[in-house]
Amino acid sequence: MSNYQNVTPVQIAQAALTTSYVTLYTVPTNPNTPTRTYLKDMEFCNTTGSAINVYVSIVPSGGSAGTANAIYYGTSVAANSTLQWTGTIVMLTSSTLQAKASTTGLTMTASGGEAV
């Protein structure tokens, strides 16, 4: 039987971002049933009266967030607005979703699916 045929929709993360990278999600590690996570949607809600820059990375196991694995890097979210990303990114076992903002006031929500 093929792996990764059973996909369960999940809310991957929801958090108020800080000015330092924080790990919001780690793909589960299970040697008997390897997991892949499909990142399908991210929303960034700016609750302030000023633009805020967002930084998001998919970081391989043992790596660190930065330009080499960025999805967003210094992308501006306008004051009192929402920025939405949709697509498909496959996250491998033990990789992480990490994010930060240039200042406080930005909430991130990410959704997708876990496949085994």
N, C-alpha and C. Protein backbone atom coordinates (compact mmCIF):
# COMPACT_ATOMS: atom_id res chain seq x y z
N MET A 1 0.84 -1.17 0.00
CA MET A 1 0.00 0.00 0.00
C MET A 1 0.89 1.24 0.00
N SER A 2 0.49 2.25 -0.72
CA SER A 2 1.26 3.49 -0.82
C SER A 2 1.14 4.33 0.44
N ASN A 3 2.24 5.00 0.77
CA ASN A 3 2.24 5.93 1.90
C ASN A 3 1.55 7.23 1.51
N TYR A 4 1.15 7.99 2.50
CA TYR A 4 0.64 9.36 2.37
C TYR A 4 -0.71 9.42 1.65
N GLN A 5 -1.52 8.37 1.78
CA GLN A 5 -2.84 8.36 1.15
C GLN A 5 -3.93 8.85 2.11
N ASN A 6 -3.66 8.80 3.42
CA ASN A 6 -4.63 9.22 4.41
C ASN A 6 -4.28 10.63 4.87
N VAL A 7 -5.05 11.62 4.40
CA VAL A 7 -4.78 13.03 4.73
C VAL A 7 -5.85 13.54 5.69
N THR A 8 -5.40 14.09 6.81
CA THR A 8 -6.30 14.66 7.81
C THR A 8 -6.14 16.18 7.81
N PRO A 9 -7.21 16.95 7.54
CA PRO A 9 -7.11 18.41 7.60
C PRO A 9 -6.78 18.86 9.03
N VAL A 10 -5.89 19.85 9.14
CA VAL A 10 -5.51 20.36 10.46
C VAL A 10 -5.28 21.86 10.41
N GLN A 11 -5.54 22.51 11.54
CA GLN A 11 -5.06 23.88 11.72
C GLN A 11 -3.63 23.73 12.20
N ILE A 12 -2.70 24.14 11.38
CA ILE A 12 -1.28 23.95 11.67
C ILE A 12 -0.81 24.89 12.77
N ALA A 13 -1.27 26.12 12.73
CA ALA A 13 -0.82 27.08 13.73
C ALA A 13 -1.75 28.27 13.78
N GLN A 14 -1.79 28.90 14.93
CA GLN A 14 -2.40 30.22 15.09
C GLN A 14 -1.69 30.89 16.26
N ALA A 15 -1.09 32.04 15.99
CA ALA A 15 -0.30 32.70 17.03
C ALA A 15 -0.11 34.17 16.71
N ALA A 16 0.04 34.95 17.76
CA ALA A 16 0.48 36.34 17.62
C ALA A 16 1.99 36.28 17.45
N LEU A 17 2.49 36.85 16.36
CA LEU A 17 3.92 36.78 16.08
C LEU A 17 4.70 37.78 16.92
N THR A 18 5.95 37.42 17.22
CA THR A 18 6.86 38.28 17.95
C THR A 18 7.97 38.73 17.00
N THR A 19 8.93 39.44 17.51
CA THR A 19 10.02 39.95 16.67
C THR A 19 11.18 38.95 16.53
N SER A 20 11.04 37.77 17.10
CA SER A 20 12.03 36.70 16.94
C SER A 20 11.35 35.50 16.31
N TYR A 21 12.09 34.76 15.48
CA TYR A 21 11.52 33.55 14.90
C TYR A 21 11.05 32.61 16.00
N VAL A 22 9.85 32.08 15.83
CA VAL A 22 9.30 31.09 16.74
C VAL A 22 8.81 29.91 15.90
N THR A 23 9.02 28.71 16.42
CA THR A 23 8.53 27.52 15.75
C THR A 23 7.05 27.37 16.05
N LEU A 24 6.24 27.41 15.00
CA LEU A 24 4.79 27.31 15.15
C LEU A 24 4.27 25.90 14.93
N TYR A 25 5.05 25.08 14.21
CA TYR A 25 4.61 23.72 13.89
C TYR A 25 5.83 22.89 13.53
N THR A 26 5.83 21.64 13.97
CA THR A 26 6.85 20.67 13.59
C THR A 26 6.15 19.45 13.02
N VAL A 27 6.57 19.00 11.84
CA VAL A 27 5.98 17.80 11.24
C VAL A 27 6.30 16.62 12.15
N PRO A 28 5.27 15.83 12.51
CA PRO A 28 5.48 14.70 13.43
C PRO A 28 6.51 13.71 12.90
N THR A 29 7.25 13.12 13.86
CA THR A 29 8.22 12.08 13.55
C THR A 29 7.70 10.76 14.10
N ASN A 30 7.49 9.81 13.22
CA ASN A 30 7.04 8.49 13.62
C ASN A 30 7.67 7.49 12.66
N PRO A 31 8.69 6.74 13.10
CA PRO A 31 9.40 5.85 12.19
C PRO A 31 8.52 4.75 11.59
N ASN A 32 7.44 4.37 12.28
CA ASN A 32 6.56 3.32 11.76
C ASN A 32 5.57 3.86 10.74
N THR A 33 5.18 5.12 10.87
CA THR A 33 4.24 5.75 9.95
C THR A 33 4.74 7.15 9.65
N PRO A 34 5.66 7.31 8.69
CA PRO A 34 6.18 8.64 8.37
C PRO A 34 5.05 9.60 7.98
N THR A 35 5.22 10.85 8.35
CA THR A 35 4.21 11.87 8.09
C THR A 35 4.78 12.95 7.19
N ARG A 36 3.95 13.46 6.30
CA ARG A 36 4.23 14.66 5.53
C ARG A 36 3.09 15.62 5.85
N THR A 37 3.40 16.90 5.88
CA THR A 37 2.36 17.90 6.11
C THR A 37 2.24 18.77 4.88
N TYR A 38 1.01 19.02 4.46
CA TYR A 38 0.73 19.89 3.33
C TYR A 38 0.29 21.24 3.89
N LEU A 39 1.08 22.27 3.66
CA LEU A 39 0.71 23.63 4.03
C LEU A 39 -0.11 24.19 2.87
N LYS A 40 -1.35 24.56 3.13
CA LYS A 40 -2.27 24.98 2.06
C LYS A 40 -2.69 26.44 2.15
N ASP A 41 -2.67 27.02 3.34
CA ASP A 41 -3.22 28.36 3.51
C ASP A 41 -2.57 29.04 4.70
N MET A 42 -2.20 30.31 4.53
CA MET A 42 -1.72 31.12 5.64
C MET A 42 -2.39 32.48 5.55
N GLU A 43 -2.82 32.98 6.70
CA GLU A 43 -3.40 34.32 6.78
C GLU A 43 -2.66 35.11 7.85
N PHE A 44 -2.43 36.37 7.55
CA PHE A 44 -1.74 37.28 8.45
C PHE A 44 -2.66 38.46 8.68
N CYS A 45 -3.07 38.67 9.92
CA CYS A 45 -4.00 39.75 10.27
C CYS A 45 -3.25 40.82 11.05
N ASN A 46 -3.18 42.01 10.46
CA ASN A 46 -2.53 43.15 11.11
C ASN A 46 -3.59 43.93 11.87
N THR A 47 -3.48 43.97 13.18
CA THR A 47 -4.48 44.64 14.02
C THR A 47 -4.04 46.03 14.45
N THR A 48 -3.03 46.57 13.78
CA THR A 48 -2.51 47.89 14.16
C THR A 48 -2.76 48.91 13.06
N GLY A 49 -2.46 50.16 13.35
CA GLY A 49 -2.63 51.25 12.40
C GLY A 49 -1.40 51.50 11.52
N SER A 50 -0.40 50.61 11.58
CA SER A 50 0.81 50.75 10.77
C SER A 50 1.12 49.43 10.07
N ALA A 51 1.81 49.50 8.95
CA ALA A 51 2.22 48.29 8.24
C ALA A 51 3.23 47.50 9.08
N ILE A 52 3.19 46.17 8.95
CA ILE A 52 4.10 45.28 9.66
C ILE A 52 4.68 44.31 8.64
N ASN A 53 5.99 44.08 8.71
CA ASN A 53 6.63 43.10 7.84
C ASN A 53 6.58 41.72 8.47
N VAL A 54 6.36 40.71 7.62
CA VAL A 54 6.29 39.33 8.09
C VAL A 54 7.40 38.51 7.44
N TYR A 55 7.91 37.53 8.19
CA TYR A 55 8.97 36.62 7.75
C TYR A 55 8.52 35.20 8.08
N VAL A 56 8.46 34.33 7.08
CA VAL A 56 8.01 32.95 7.27
C VAL A 56 8.97 32.02 6.55
N SER A 57 9.38 30.94 7.23
CA SER A 57 10.28 29.96 6.63
C SER A 57 9.80 28.54 6.91
N ILE A 58 10.04 27.65 5.94
CA ILE A 58 9.90 26.21 6.13
C ILE A 58 11.33 25.71 6.34
N VAL A 59 11.63 25.27 7.55
CA VAL A 59 13.00 24.96 7.94
C VAL A 59 13.20 23.44 8.00
N PRO A 60 14.18 22.93 7.25
CA PRO A 60 14.46 21.50 7.33
C PRO A 60 14.99 21.13 8.71
N SER A 61 14.83 19.86 9.07
CA SER A 61 15.31 19.36 10.35
C SER A 61 16.77 19.76 10.56
N GLY A 62 17.05 20.37 11.71
CA GLY A 62 18.41 20.77 12.05
C GLY A 62 18.84 22.11 11.47
N GLY A 63 17.97 22.75 10.67
CA GLY A 63 18.31 24.02 10.04
C GLY A 63 17.85 25.21 10.85
N SER A 64 18.03 26.40 10.28
CA SER A 64 17.55 27.61 10.92
C SER A 64 16.84 28.49 9.89
N ALA A 65 15.92 29.30 10.36
CA ALA A 65 15.12 30.17 9.49
C ALA A 65 15.99 31.25 8.87
N GLY A 66 15.70 31.58 7.62
CA GLY A 66 16.44 32.64 6.95
C GLY A 66 16.10 32.70 5.47
N THR A 67 16.93 33.40 4.72
CA THR A 67 16.65 33.63 3.30
C THR A 67 16.66 32.35 2.48
N ALA A 68 17.41 31.34 2.88
CA ALA A 68 17.52 30.11 2.10
C ALA A 68 16.25 29.27 2.11
N ASN A 69 15.35 29.51 3.08
CA ASN A 69 14.13 28.70 3.17
C ASN A 69 12.88 29.57 3.40
N ALA A 70 12.96 30.83 3.00
CA ALA A 70 11.87 31.78 3.22
C ALA A 70 10.70 31.58 2.26
N ILE A 71 9.51 31.73 2.78
CA ILE A 71 8.30 31.84 1.97
C ILE A 71 7.95 33.32 1.83
N TYR A 72 8.00 34.01 2.97
CA TYR A 72 7.87 35.47 3.01
C TYR A 72 9.11 36.01 3.71
N TYR A 73 9.66 37.10 3.20
CA TYR A 73 10.84 37.70 3.83
C TYR A 73 10.72 39.21 3.73
N GLY A 74 10.26 39.83 4.81
CA GLY A 74 10.08 41.28 4.83
C GLY A 74 8.87 41.73 4.03
N THR A 75 7.89 40.87 3.88
CA THR A 75 6.68 41.21 3.14
C THR A 75 5.78 42.06 4.01
N SER A 76 5.32 43.18 3.47
CA SER A 76 4.52 44.13 4.23
C SER A 76 3.04 43.72 4.27
N VAL A 77 2.48 43.76 5.47
CA VAL A 77 1.04 43.57 5.67
C VAL A 77 0.50 44.94 6.05
N ALA A 78 -0.35 45.49 5.22
CA ALA A 78 -0.87 46.85 5.41
C ALA A 78 -1.62 46.99 6.74
N ALA A 79 -1.68 48.22 7.23
CA ALA A 79 -2.38 48.52 8.48
C ALA A 79 -3.83 48.04 8.42
N ASN A 80 -4.30 47.46 9.52
CA ASN A 80 -5.69 47.03 9.66
C ASN A 80 -6.17 46.20 8.47
N SER A 81 -5.34 45.26 8.02
CA SER A 81 -5.73 44.43 6.87
C SER A 81 -5.23 43.01 7.05
N THR A 82 -5.61 42.16 6.10
CA THR A 82 -5.23 40.75 6.12
C THR A 82 -4.54 40.40 4.81
N LEU A 83 -3.45 39.65 4.91
CA LEU A 83 -2.74 39.11 3.75
C LEU A 83 -2.97 37.61 3.76
N GLN A 84 -3.36 37.04 2.60
CA GLN A 84 -3.60 35.61 2.53
C GLN A 84 -2.70 34.98 1.47
N TRP A 85 -2.15 33.79 1.80
CA TRP A 85 -1.38 32.98 0.86
C TRP A 85 -2.10 31.65 0.73
N THR A 86 -2.25 31.17 -0.51
CA THR A 86 -2.76 29.83 -0.75
C THR A 86 -1.85 29.14 -1.76
N GLY A 87 -1.73 27.85 -1.61
CA GLY A 87 -0.88 27.07 -2.50
C GLY A 87 -0.68 25.70 -1.89
N THR A 88 0.41 25.04 -2.23
CA THR A 88 0.73 23.75 -1.64
C THR A 88 2.24 23.67 -1.45
N ILE A 89 2.63 23.47 -0.20
CA ILE A 89 4.03 23.22 0.13
C ILE A 89 4.05 21.94 0.95
N VAL A 90 4.85 20.98 0.52
CA VAL A 90 5.00 19.72 1.25
C VAL A 90 6.12 19.89 2.26
N MET A 91 5.79 19.67 3.50
CA MET A 91 6.78 19.75 4.59
C MET A 91 7.18 18.32 4.97
N LEU A 92 8.47 18.05 4.99
CA LEU A 92 8.98 16.71 5.30
C LEU A 92 9.04 16.46 6.79
N THR A 93 9.15 15.21 7.18
CA THR A 93 9.23 14.81 8.57
C THR A 93 10.29 15.63 9.31
N SER A 94 9.92 16.13 10.48
CA SER A 94 10.76 16.91 11.39
C SER A 94 11.07 18.33 10.92
N SER A 95 10.58 18.76 9.74
CA SER A 95 10.77 20.15 9.35
C SER A 95 9.80 21.02 10.15
N THR A 96 10.08 22.33 10.20
CA THR A 96 9.28 23.23 11.01
C THR A 96 8.78 24.43 10.21
N LEU A 97 7.67 24.98 10.66
CA LEU A 97 7.15 26.25 10.17
C LEU A 97 7.53 27.28 11.21
N GLN A 98 8.33 28.29 10.80
CA GLN A 98 8.78 29.32 11.72
C GLN A 98 8.42 30.69 11.16
N ALA A 99 8.10 31.63 12.05
CA ALA A 99 7.70 32.97 11.60
C ALA A 99 8.05 34.01 12.64
N LYS A 100 8.15 35.26 12.16
CA LYS A 100 8.34 36.42 13.03
C LYS A 100 7.76 37.63 12.32
N ALA A 101 7.67 38.74 13.03
CA ALA A 101 7.18 40.00 12.47
C ALA A 101 8.14 41.12 12.86
N SER A 102 8.06 42.23 12.16
CA SER A 102 8.94 43.35 12.45
C SER A 102 8.57 44.06 13.75
N THR A 103 7.33 43.89 14.20
CA THR A 103 6.84 44.43 15.46
C THR A 103 5.61 43.63 15.88
N THR A 104 5.10 43.86 17.06
CA THR A 104 3.91 43.13 17.50
C THR A 104 2.66 43.68 16.81
N GLY A 105 1.62 42.86 16.80
CA GLY A 105 0.35 43.28 16.21
C GLY A 105 -0.07 42.45 15.01
N LEU A 106 0.65 41.37 14.74
CA LEU A 106 0.36 40.51 13.58
C LEU A 106 0.03 39.11 14.07
N THR A 107 -1.13 38.60 13.66
CA THR A 107 -1.55 37.24 14.00
C THR A 107 -1.48 36.39 12.75
N MET A 108 -0.95 35.19 12.88
CA MET A 108 -0.82 34.26 11.76
C MET A 108 -1.67 33.02 12.03
N THR A 109 -2.39 32.58 11.01
CA THR A 109 -3.13 31.33 11.04
C THR A 109 -2.71 30.52 9.83
N ALA A 110 -2.38 29.24 10.03
CA ALA A 110 -1.99 28.36 8.94
C ALA A 110 -2.79 27.07 8.99
N SER A 111 -3.21 26.59 7.81
CA SER A 111 -3.99 25.36 7.72
C SER A 111 -3.40 24.46 6.64
N GLY A 112 -3.74 23.19 6.73
CA GLY A 112 -3.27 22.24 5.74
C GLY A 112 -3.74 20.85 6.09
N GLY A 113 -2.88 19.86 5.85
CA GLY A 113 -3.23 18.48 6.13
C GLY A 113 -2.01 17.66 6.48
N GLU A 114 -2.22 16.68 7.37
CA GLU A 114 -1.17 15.73 7.69
C GLU A 114 -1.45 14.45 6.95
N ALA A 115 -0.47 13.93 6.24
CA ALA A 115 -0.63 12.73 5.43
C ALA A 115 0.25 11.62 5.97
N VAL A 116 -0.35 10.42 6.12
CA VAL A 116 0.41 9.24 6.53
C VAL A 116 0.17 8.12 5.54
